[in-house]
Amino acid sequence: MKKYCETIEFGQPKKKAQDGTYFEELASGQKPPYLYIGCSDSRIALTKFTGTEPGELFVHRNIANQVCLTDINFLSILDYAISHLEVKYIILAGHYGCGGIKAALEGRTTGIIDNWVNPIREIYLQKQEEIDALPTQQERWNRLAELNVAMQIKNLYQTSIMRQALQQGKAPEVHGWVVDISTGLIKDLHIFTKQWHIRKLALMGI
């Protein structure tokens, strides 16, 4: 086993052979156009699924891609991405076969994990008739994953950070995705987000 202080190169020699200044340019700073909010699932290799390079995605990940309005870590990342990095797009991505979705639907978890996925369970209760009408459990999981993405985008627009960005005309464009691990394809849910925008005049009391 290598000592912790040794340098581990991985693919560095190959990359440097292709572009001799690649790592120098990467170290000079970041200006990513995208904020990616997704699930922590280890199978979601972002650069492979999205075809992006290091430096293109600013990333926040947690179990089942939740937007929690009391999560200071998430709020700090969102604020930094919008106010300082000035990202142009926010991608909120779930995935089919998500363990958090399954846990919420089947109710088998306890403790902290159960608390964390409870908002997904609430989505199921709101859409229970639609979800239960689907013929297979796999389809029910998949549909709940899609509904969860939509709900988290709605939550995103409830943050004071996004509201302020909208008022200033600096809000990034938001997209909802679901990654299909079994095919490697990404499904754009084409979620209509303007329904969650709070109009400036309404905020001014006019």
Protein backbone atom coordinates (compact mmCIF):
# COMPACT_ATOMS: atom_id res chain seq x y z
CA MET A 1 0.00 0.00 0.00
CA LYS A 2 1.30 3.46 -0.89
CA LYS A 3 2.09 5.85 1.90
CA TYR A 4 -0.45 8.63 2.21
CA CYS A 5 2.15 11.29 1.31
CA GLU A 6 3.16 9.70 -1.99
CA THR A 7 1.82 11.12 -5.26
CA ILE A 8 -0.62 8.82 -7.09
CA GLU A 9 -0.66 9.59 -10.80
CA PHE A 10 -3.57 7.52 -12.17
CA GLY A 11 -4.13 8.83 -15.72
CA GLN A 12 -1.86 11.86 -15.38
CA PRO A 13 0.98 10.71 -17.66
CA LYS A 14 -1.42 9.90 -20.53
CA LYS A 15 -3.27 13.21 -20.19
CA LYS A 16 -0.04 15.20 -20.02
CA ALA A 17 1.24 13.45 -23.13
CA GLN A 18 -1.89 14.58 -24.99
CA ASP A 19 -1.73 18.16 -23.71
CA GLY A 20 1.44 19.34 -22.01
CA THR A 21 -0.21 22.37 -20.37
CA TYR A 22 -3.44 20.65 -19.31
CA PHE A 23 -2.76 20.51 -15.57
CA GLU A 24 -1.20 23.98 -15.43
CA GLU A 25 -4.33 25.45 -17.00
CA LEU A 26 -6.56 23.38 -14.69
CA ALA A 27 -4.71 24.71 -11.65
CA SER A 28 -5.09 28.35 -12.72
CA GLY A 29 -8.72 28.57 -11.49
CA GLN A 30 -12.26 27.49 -12.21
CA LYS A 31 -15.09 29.04 -14.19
CA PRO A 32 -17.57 26.19 -14.73
CA PRO A 33 -20.73 26.94 -16.70
CA TYR A 34 -22.72 24.27 -14.85
CA LEU A 35 -23.80 23.52 -11.29
CA TYR A 36 -24.68 19.83 -11.05
CA ILE A 37 -26.92 18.71 -8.18
CA GLY A 38 -27.16 14.94 -8.10
CA CYS A 39 -27.19 11.71 -6.17
CA SER A 40 -24.16 10.38 -4.30
CA ASP A 41 -24.50 6.95 -5.95
CA SER A 42 -20.98 5.72 -6.77
CA ARG A 43 -22.06 4.43 -10.18
CA ILE A 44 -22.76 7.93 -11.50
CA ALA A 45 -19.41 8.84 -13.04
CA LEU A 46 -20.17 12.39 -14.11
CA THR A 47 -17.47 12.89 -16.71
CA LYS A 48 -18.45 9.63 -18.43
CA PHE A 49 -22.20 10.21 -18.44
CA THR A 50 -22.03 13.91 -19.36
CA GLY A 51 -18.93 13.89 -21.56
CA THR A 52 -17.45 16.80 -19.59
CA GLU A 53 -13.91 17.58 -18.52
CA PRO A 54 -12.65 18.57 -15.05
CA GLY A 55 -13.46 22.23 -14.49
CA GLU A 56 -16.78 22.21 -16.34
CA LEU A 57 -19.07 21.04 -13.51
CA PHE A 58 -19.40 22.52 -10.03
CA VAL A 59 -20.93 19.66 -8.05
CA HIS A 60 -23.16 19.00 -5.08
CA ARG A 61 -24.23 15.43 -4.35
CA ASN A 62 -26.28 13.75 -1.64
CA ILE A 63 -28.52 10.71 -1.22
CA ALA A 64 -31.37 10.89 -3.76
CA ASN A 65 -30.42 14.39 -4.98
CA GLN A 66 -32.35 16.32 -2.34
CA VAL A 67 -32.64 20.11 -2.18
CA CYS A 68 -33.00 20.72 1.53
CA LEU A 69 -33.74 24.33 2.50
CA THR A 70 -31.97 23.90 5.85
CA ASP A 71 -28.82 22.24 4.45
CA ILE A 72 -26.10 24.86 4.92
CA ASN A 73 -23.68 22.86 2.78
CA PHE A 74 -26.06 22.86 -0.18
CA LEU A 75 -27.00 26.53 0.30
CA SER A 76 -23.34 27.55 0.47
CA ILE A 77 -22.62 25.73 -2.78
CA LEU A 78 -25.65 27.25 -4.49
CA ASP A 79 -24.70 30.75 -3.34
CA TYR A 80 -21.09 30.35 -4.43
CA ALA A 81 -22.09 28.89 -7.79
CA ILE A 82 -24.47 31.75 -8.60
CA SER A 83 -22.81 34.73 -6.91
CA HIS A 84 -19.14 34.00 -7.52
CA LEU A 85 -18.80 31.42 -10.29
CA GLU A 86 -21.78 32.88 -12.17
CA VAL A 87 -22.85 29.53 -13.56
CA LYS A 88 -25.19 29.70 -16.54
CA TYR A 89 -27.00 26.42 -15.97
CA ILE A 90 -28.11 24.29 -13.04
CA ILE A 91 -28.66 20.61 -13.71
CA LEU A 92 -30.64 18.71 -11.10
CA ALA A 93 -30.28 15.03 -11.85
CA GLY A 94 -31.77 11.90 -10.38
CA HIS A 95 -31.32 8.39 -11.68
CA TYR A 96 -33.26 5.21 -12.20
CA GLY A 97 -32.43 2.45 -9.72
CA CYS A 98 -31.80 4.96 -6.93
CA GLY A 99 -31.49 3.34 -3.50
CA GLY A 100 -32.92 6.41 -1.80
CA ILE A 101 -36.04 6.26 -3.98
CA LYS A 102 -36.50 2.57 -3.25
CA ALA A 103 -36.01 3.16 0.48
CA ALA A 104 -38.65 5.88 0.51
CA LEU A 105 -41.18 3.83 -1.46
CA GLU A 106 -40.70 0.61 0.48
CA GLY A 107 -40.33 2.18 3.94
CA ARG A 108 -37.58 -0.19 5.07
CA THR A 109 -35.13 2.36 6.44
CA THR A 110 -34.68 3.63 9.98
CA GLY A 111 -32.83 6.42 11.73
CA ILE A 112 -31.16 9.28 9.87
CA ILE A 113 -31.60 7.75 6.40
CA ASP A 114 -35.33 7.40 7.01
CA ASN A 115 -35.53 11.07 7.99
CA TRP A 116 -33.54 12.09 4.91
CA VAL A 117 -35.75 10.24 2.40
CA ASN A 118 -39.02 11.23 4.09
CA PRO A 119 -39.60 14.14 1.63
CA ILE A 120 -39.58 11.54 -1.17
CA ARG A 121 -42.16 9.53 0.73
CA GLU A 122 -44.28 12.67 0.89
CA ILE A 123 -44.09 12.93 -2.91
CA TYR A 124 -45.31 9.34 -3.15
CA LEU A 125 -48.25 10.09 -0.83
CA GLN A 126 -49.18 13.09 -2.99
CA LYS A 127 -48.99 11.05 -6.21
CA GLN A 128 -49.94 7.65 -4.78
CA GLU A 129 -52.81 6.98 -7.16
CA GLU A 130 -50.69 7.71 -10.23
CA ILE A 131 -47.69 5.70 -9.03
CA ASP A 132 -49.66 2.68 -7.76
CA ALA A 133 -51.45 2.44 -11.12
CA LEU A 134 -48.19 1.54 -12.85
CA PRO A 135 -47.92 -2.19 -13.61
CA THR A 136 -44.46 -2.99 -12.22
CA GLN A 137 -42.42 -2.02 -9.19
CA GLN A 138 -39.59 -0.92 -11.47
CA GLU A 139 -41.90 1.52 -13.24
CA ARG A 140 -43.11 2.84 -9.90
CA TRP A 141 -39.51 3.44 -8.77
CA ASN A 142 -38.71 5.16 -12.06
CA ARG A 143 -41.73 7.43 -11.92
CA LEU A 144 -41.00 8.43 -8.34
CA ALA A 145 -37.42 9.26 -9.36
CA GLU A 146 -38.79 11.62 -12.03
CA LEU A 147 -41.29 13.23 -9.68
CA ASN A 148 -38.53 13.68 -7.12
CA VAL A 149 -36.43 15.64 -9.62
CA ALA A 150 -39.36 17.95 -10.32
CA MET A 151 -39.98 18.51 -6.61
CA GLN A 152 -36.35 19.30 -5.91
CA ILE A 153 -36.34 21.88 -8.70
CA LYS A 154 -39.41 23.42 -7.11
CA ASN A 155 -37.52 23.50 -3.79
CA LEU A 156 -34.57 25.12 -5.55
CA TYR A 157 -36.78 28.06 -6.50
CA GLN A 158 -37.90 28.42 -2.89
CA THR A 159 -34.38 29.35 -1.74
CA SER A 160 -33.66 33.01 -1.07
CA ILE A 161 -30.57 32.63 -3.27
CA MET A 162 -32.58 31.75 -6.36
CA ARG A 163 -35.24 34.35 -5.59
CA GLN A 164 -32.59 37.05 -5.37
CA ALA A 165 -30.94 35.87 -8.58
CA LEU A 166 -34.31 36.05 -10.35
CA GLN A 167 -34.89 39.60 -9.10
CA GLN A 168 -31.46 40.62 -10.37
CA GLY A 169 -31.97 38.89 -13.71
CA LYS A 170 -28.98 36.61 -13.03
CA ALA A 171 -30.72 33.30 -12.37
CA PRO A 172 -29.20 30.29 -14.15
CA GLU A 173 -31.31 28.19 -16.49
CA VAL A 174 -32.46 25.05 -14.67
CA HIS A 175 -32.83 21.58 -16.19
CA GLY A 176 -34.13 18.33 -14.70
CA TRP A 177 -32.46 15.10 -15.76
CA VAL A 178 -32.76 11.41 -14.96
CA VAL A 179 -29.76 9.20 -15.67
CA ASP A 180 -30.42 5.65 -16.81
CA ILE A 181 -27.47 3.64 -15.51
CA SER A 182 -28.53 0.55 -17.47
CA THR A 183 -28.19 2.32 -20.83
CA GLY A 184 -25.86 5.24 -20.11
CA LEU A 185 -28.48 7.63 -21.47
CA ILE A 186 -29.73 10.84 -19.89
CA LYS A 187 -33.41 11.77 -20.05
CA ASP A 188 -34.26 15.47 -20.01
CA LEU A 189 -37.62 15.83 -18.25
CA HIS A 190 -38.28 19.25 -19.87
CA ILE A 191 -39.63 20.64 -16.61
CA PHE A 192 -41.43 23.97 -16.92
CA THR A 193 -39.82 26.11 -14.22
CA LYS A 194 -41.50 29.51 -14.63
CA GLN A 195 -44.45 28.30 -12.58
CA TRP A 196 -42.18 28.55 -9.53
CA HIS A 197 -40.78 32.01 -10.25
CA ILE A 198 -41.94 34.68 -7.83
CA ARG A 199 -42.56 37.80 -9.87
CA LYS A 200 -40.67 40.92 -8.88
CA LEU A 201 -43.88 42.97 -8.71
CA ALA A 202 -45.41 40.49 -6.30
CA LEU A 203 -42.39 40.79 -4.04
CA MET A 204 -42.73 44.58 -4.09
CA GLY A 205 -46.38 44.35 -3.06
CA ILE A 206 -47.66 45.83 -6.32
